[in-house]
Amino acid sequence: MLFIRGFTQVQGTVLSKAMDAAISGMAGLGHIILGVSMIMILLNIKKTVE
């Protein structure tokens, strides 16, 4: 989503409020998924060490 956001800004494309919100929403969901997966990995490592 960072690429898409940057590409639209460099090209000077004017996005509607809905499209801007959709890009931000998808980026937010990606960050949530990354955060949850990092916690799961760390918990798995902790369980393996013990």
PDB file of N, CA and C in Angstrom:
ATOM      1  N   MET A   1       0.824  -1.184   0.000  1.00  0.00           N
ATOM      2  CA  MET A   1       0.000   0.000   0.000  1.00  0.00           C
ATOM      3  C   MET A   1       0.874   1.256   0.000  1.00  0.00           C
ATOM      4  N   LEU A   2       2.054   1.133   0.592  1.00  0.00           N
ATOM      5  CA  LEU A   2       2.982   2.266   0.563  1.00  0.00           C
ATOM      6  C   LEU A   2       3.345   2.604  -0.879  1.00  0.00           C
ATOM      7  N   PHE A   3       3.563   1.584  -1.693  1.00  0.00           N
ATOM      8  CA  PHE A   3       3.881   1.804  -3.100  1.00  0.00           C
ATOM      9  C   PHE A   3       2.715   2.483  -3.821  1.00  0.00           C
ATOM     10  N   ILE A   4       1.517   2.003  -3.582  1.00  0.00           N
ATOM     11  CA  ILE A   4       0.344   2.574  -4.257  1.00  0.00           C
ATOM     12  C   ILE A   4       0.136   4.029  -3.834  1.00  0.00           C
ATOM     13  N   ARG A   5       0.257   4.279  -2.535  1.00  0.00           N
ATOM     14  CA  ARG A   5       0.091   5.659  -2.045  1.00  0.00           C
ATOM     15  C   ARG A   5       1.158   6.573  -2.664  1.00  0.00           C
ATOM     16  N   GLY A   6       2.400   6.138  -2.662  1.00  0.00           N
ATOM     17  CA  GLY A   6       3.483   6.940  -3.226  1.00  0.00           C
ATOM     18  C   GLY A   6       3.331   7.140  -4.717  1.00  0.00           C
ATOM     19  N   PHE A   7       2.929   6.092  -5.424  1.00  0.00           N
ATOM     20  CA  PHE A   7       2.755   6.186  -6.872  1.00  0.00           C
ATOM     21  C   PHE A   7       1.682   7.203  -7.229  1.00  0.00           C
ATOM     22  N   THR A   8       0.570   7.169  -6.516  1.00  0.00           N
ATOM     23  CA  THR A   8      -0.506   8.117  -6.818  1.00  0.00           C
ATOM     24  C   THR A   8      -0.080   9.552  -6.508  1.00  0.00           C
ATOM     25  N   GLN A   9       0.717   9.733  -5.460  1.00  0.00           N
ATOM     26  CA  GLN A   9       1.171  11.086  -5.136  1.00  0.00           C
ATOM     27  C   GLN A   9       2.186  11.596  -6.153  1.00  0.00           C
ATOM     28  N   VAL A  10       3.093  10.738  -6.593  1.00  0.00           N
ATOM     29  CA  VAL A  10       4.092  11.153  -7.575  1.00  0.00           C
ATOM     30  C   VAL A  10       3.428  11.480  -8.907  1.00  0.00           C
ATOM     31  N   GLN A  11       2.437  10.689  -9.292  1.00  0.00           N
ATOM     32  CA  GLN A  11       1.740  10.923 -10.550  1.00  0.00           C
ATOM     33  C   GLN A  11       0.776  12.110 -10.470  1.00  0.00           C
ATOM     34  N   GLY A  12       0.496  12.573  -9.259  1.00  0.00           N
ATOM     35  CA  GLY A  12      -0.418  13.698  -9.100  1.00  0.00           C
ATOM     36  C   GLY A  12      -1.872  13.303  -9.239  1.00  0.00           C
ATOM     37  N   THR A  13      -2.160  12.035  -9.068  1.00  0.00           N
ATOM     38  CA  THR A  13      -3.529  11.544  -9.170  1.00  0.00           C
ATOM     39  C   THR A  13      -4.336  12.031  -7.975  1.00  0.00           C
ATOM     40  N   VAL A  14      -5.490  12.593  -8.252  1.00  0.00           N
ATOM     41  CA  VAL A  14      -6.378  13.044  -7.187  1.00  0.00           C
ATOM     42  C   VAL A  14      -7.313  11.892  -6.845  1.00  0.00           C
ATOM     43  N   LEU A  15      -7.240  11.449  -5.593  1.00  0.00           N
ATOM     44  CA  LEU A  15      -8.080  10.339  -5.159  1.00  0.00           C
ATOM     45  C   LEU A  15      -9.335  10.856  -4.469  1.00  0.00           C
ATOM     46  N   SER A  16     -10.418  10.115  -4.629  1.00  0.00           N
ATOM     47  CA  SER A  16     -11.628  10.471  -3.895  1.00  0.00           C
ATOM     48  C   SER A  16     -11.407  10.154  -2.418  1.00  0.00           C
ATOM     49  N   LYS A  17     -12.247  10.702  -1.573  1.00  0.00           N
ATOM     50  CA  LYS A  17     -12.119  10.431  -0.137  1.00  0.00           C
ATOM     51  C   LYS A  17     -12.292   8.951   0.150  1.00  0.00           C
ATOM     52  N   ALA A  18     -13.178   8.290  -0.593  1.00  0.00           N
ATOM     53  CA  ALA A  18     -13.412   6.869  -0.381  1.00  0.00           C
ATOM     54  C   ALA A  18     -12.177   6.049  -0.756  1.00  0.00           C
ATOM     55  N   MET A  19     -11.544   6.379  -1.866  1.00  0.00           N
ATOM     56  CA  MET A  19     -10.349   5.644  -2.288  1.00  0.00           C
ATOM     57  C   MET A  19      -9.195   5.897  -1.325  1.00  0.00           C
ATOM     58  N   ASP A  20      -9.057   7.137  -0.865  1.00  0.00           N
ATOM     59  CA  ASP A  20      -8.017   7.465   0.105  1.00  0.00           C
ATOM     60  C   ASP A  20      -8.235   6.683   1.399  1.00  0.00           C
ATOM     61  N   ALA A  21      -9.483   6.612   1.849  1.00  0.00           N
ATOM     62  CA  ALA A  21      -9.805   5.862   3.067  1.00  0.00           C
ATOM     63  C   ALA A  21      -9.585   4.367   2.861  1.00  0.00           C
ATOM     64  N   ALA A  22      -9.877   3.864   1.659  1.00  0.00           N
ATOM     65  CA  ALA A  22      -9.682   2.439   1.384  1.00  0.00           C
ATOM     66  C   ALA A  22      -8.201   2.071   1.436  1.00  0.00           C
ATOM     67  N   ILE A  23      -7.356   2.918   0.881  1.00  0.00           N
ATOM     68  CA  ILE A  23      -5.918   2.659   0.916  1.00  0.00           C
ATOM     69  C   ILE A  23      -5.425   2.681   2.362  1.00  0.00           C
ATOM     70  N   SER A  24      -5.858   3.662   3.127  1.00  0.00           N
ATOM     71  CA  SER A  24      -5.453   3.750   4.530  1.00  0.00           C
ATOM     72  C   SER A  24      -5.978   2.557   5.324  1.00  0.00           C
ATOM     73  N   GLY A  25      -7.188   2.148   5.043  1.00  0.00           N
ATOM     74  CA  GLY A  25      -7.771   1.000   5.745  1.00  0.00           C
ATOM     75  C   GLY A  25      -7.033  -0.295   5.453  1.00  0.00           C
ATOM     76  N   MET A  26      -6.683  -0.508   4.200  1.00  0.00           N
ATOM     77  CA  MET A  26      -5.949  -1.722   3.846  1.00  0.00           C
ATOM     78  C   MET A  26      -4.555  -1.715   4.467  1.00  0.00           C
ATOM     79  N   ALA A  27      -3.919  -0.553   4.504  1.00  0.00           N
ATOM     80  CA  ALA A  27      -2.606  -0.444   5.142  1.00  0.00           C
ATOM     81  C   ALA A  27      -2.732  -0.719   6.639  1.00  0.00           C
ATOM     82  N   GLY A  28      -3.778  -0.227   7.252  1.00  0.00           N
ATOM     83  CA  GLY A  28      -4.012  -0.473   8.676  1.00  0.00           C
ATOM     84  C   GLY A  28      -4.225  -1.943   8.972  1.00  0.00           C
ATOM     85  N   LEU A  29      -5.011  -2.611   8.135  1.00  0.00           N
ATOM     86  CA  LEU A  29      -5.232  -4.051   8.317  1.00  0.00           C
ATOM     87  C   LEU A  29      -3.930  -4.825   8.166  1.00  0.00           C
ATOM     88  N   GLY A  30      -3.110  -4.408   7.233  1.00  0.00           N
ATOM     89  CA  GLY A  30      -1.813  -5.060   7.063  1.00  0.00           C
ATOM     90  C   GLY A  30      -0.945  -4.912   8.296  1.00  0.00           C
ATOM     91  N   HIS A  31      -0.963  -3.730   8.909  1.00  0.00           N
ATOM     92  CA  HIS A  31      -0.180  -3.513  10.123  1.00  0.00           C
ATOM     93  C   HIS A  31      -0.715  -4.354  11.281  1.00  0.00           C
ATOM     94  N   ILE A  32      -2.027  -4.470  11.386  1.00  0.00           N
ATOM     95  CA  ILE A  32      -2.614  -5.300  12.442  1.00  0.00           C
ATOM     96  C   ILE A  32      -2.198  -6.754  12.262  1.00  0.00           C
ATOM     97  N   ILE A  33      -2.260  -7.258  11.043  1.00  0.00           N
ATOM     98  CA  ILE A  33      -1.872  -8.645  10.768  1.00  0.00           C
ATOM     99  C   ILE A  33      -0.392  -8.855  11.093  1.00  0.00           C
ATOM    100  N   LEU A  34       0.457  -7.915  10.709  1.00  0.00           N
ATOM    101  CA  LEU A  34       1.883  -8.023  11.034  1.00  0.00           C
ATOM    102  C   LEU A  34       2.115  -8.035  12.537  1.00  0.00           C
ATOM    103  N   GLY A  35       1.415  -7.176  13.258  1.00  0.00           N
ATOM    104  CA  GLY A  35       1.574  -7.117  14.710  1.00  0.00           C
ATOM    105  C   GLY A  35       1.162  -8.411  15.387  1.00  0.00           C
ATOM    106  N   VAL A  36       0.021  -8.953  14.983  1.00  0.00           N
ATOM    107  CA  VAL A  36      -0.452 -10.214  15.560  1.00  0.00           C
ATOM    108  C   VAL A  36       0.506 -11.350  15.234  1.00  0.00           C
ATOM    109  N   SER A  37       1.008 -11.391  14.008  1.00  0.00           N
ATOM    110  CA  SER A  37       1.922 -12.469  13.636  1.00  0.00           C
ATOM    111  C   SER A  37       3.241 -12.366  14.407  1.00  0.00           C
ATOM    112  N   MET A  38       3.724 -11.138  14.658  1.00  0.00           N
ATOM    113  CA  MET A  38       4.956 -10.974  15.438  1.00  0.00           C
ATOM    114  C   MET A  38       4.757 -11.468  16.866  1.00  0.00           C
ATOM    115  N   ILE A  39       3.610 -11.161  17.464  1.00  0.00           N
ATOM    116  CA  ILE A  39       3.320 -11.644  18.818  1.00  0.00           C
ATOM    117  C   ILE A  39       3.250 -13.160  18.840  1.00  0.00           C
ATOM    118  N   MET A  40       2.601 -13.748  17.835  1.00  0.00           N
ATOM    119  CA  MET A  40       2.498 -15.206  17.779  1.00  0.00           C
ATOM    120  C   MET A  40       3.874 -15.860  17.630  1.00  0.00           C
ATOM    121  N   ILE A  41       4.735 -15.279  16.811  1.00  0.00           N
ATOM    122  CA  ILE A  41       6.083 -15.818  16.632  1.00  0.00           C
ATOM    123  C   ILE A  41       6.863 -15.732  17.939  1.00  0.00           C
ATOM    124  N   LEU A  42       6.787 -14.589  18.621  1.00  0.00           N
ATOM    125  CA  LEU A  42       7.508 -14.444  19.879  1.00  0.00           C
ATOM    126  C   LEU A  42       6.999 -15.402  20.943  1.00  0.00           C
ATOM    127  N   LEU A  43       5.688 -15.616  21.006  1.00  0.00           N
ATOM    128  CA  LEU A  43       5.141 -16.588  21.955  1.00  0.00           C
ATOM    129  C   LEU A  43       5.594 -18.002  21.615  1.00  0.00           C
ATOM    130  N   ASN A  44       5.680 -18.312  20.335  1.00  0.00           N
ATOM    131  CA  ASN A  44       6.147 -19.629  19.904  1.00  0.00           C
ATOM    132  C   ASN A  44       7.618 -19.822  20.265  1.00  0.00           C
ATOM    133  N   ILE A  45       8.429 -18.801  20.088  1.00  0.00           N
ATOM    134  CA  ILE A  45       9.850 -18.881  20.457  1.00  0.00           C
ATOM    135  C   ILE A  45       9.979 -19.063  21.967  1.00  0.00           C
ATOM    136  N   LYS A  46       9.185 -18.328  22.726  1.00  0.00           N
ATOM    137  CA  LYS A  46       9.222 -18.447  24.190  1.00  0.00           C
ATOM    138  C   LYS A  46       8.878 -19.868  24.636  1.00  0.00           C
ATOM    139  N   LYS A  47       7.848 -20.447  23.998  1.00  0.00           N
ATOM    140  CA  LYS A  47       7.433 -21.806  24.357  1.00  0.00           C
ATOM    141  C   LYS A  47       8.525 -22.812  23.991  1.00  0.00           C
ATOM    142  N   THR A  48       9.198 -22.594  22.882  1.00  0.00           N
ATOM    143  CA  THR A  48      10.261 -23.500  22.430  1.00  0.00           C
ATOM    144  C   THR A  48      11.467 -23.435  23.364  1.00  0.00           C
ATOM    145  N   VAL A  49      11.813 -22.250  23.850  1.00  0.00           N
ATOM    146  CA  VAL A  49      12.972 -22.085  24.725  1.00  0.00           C
ATOM    147  C   VAL A  49      12.722 -22.750  26.085  1.00  0.00           C
ATOM    148  N   GLU A  50      11.504 -22.643  26.565  1.00  0.00           N
ATOM    149  CA  GLU A  50      11.174 -23.230  27.872  1.00  0.00           C
ATOM    150  C   GLU A  50      11.051 -24.694  27.751  1.00  0.00           C
TER     151      GLU A  50
END
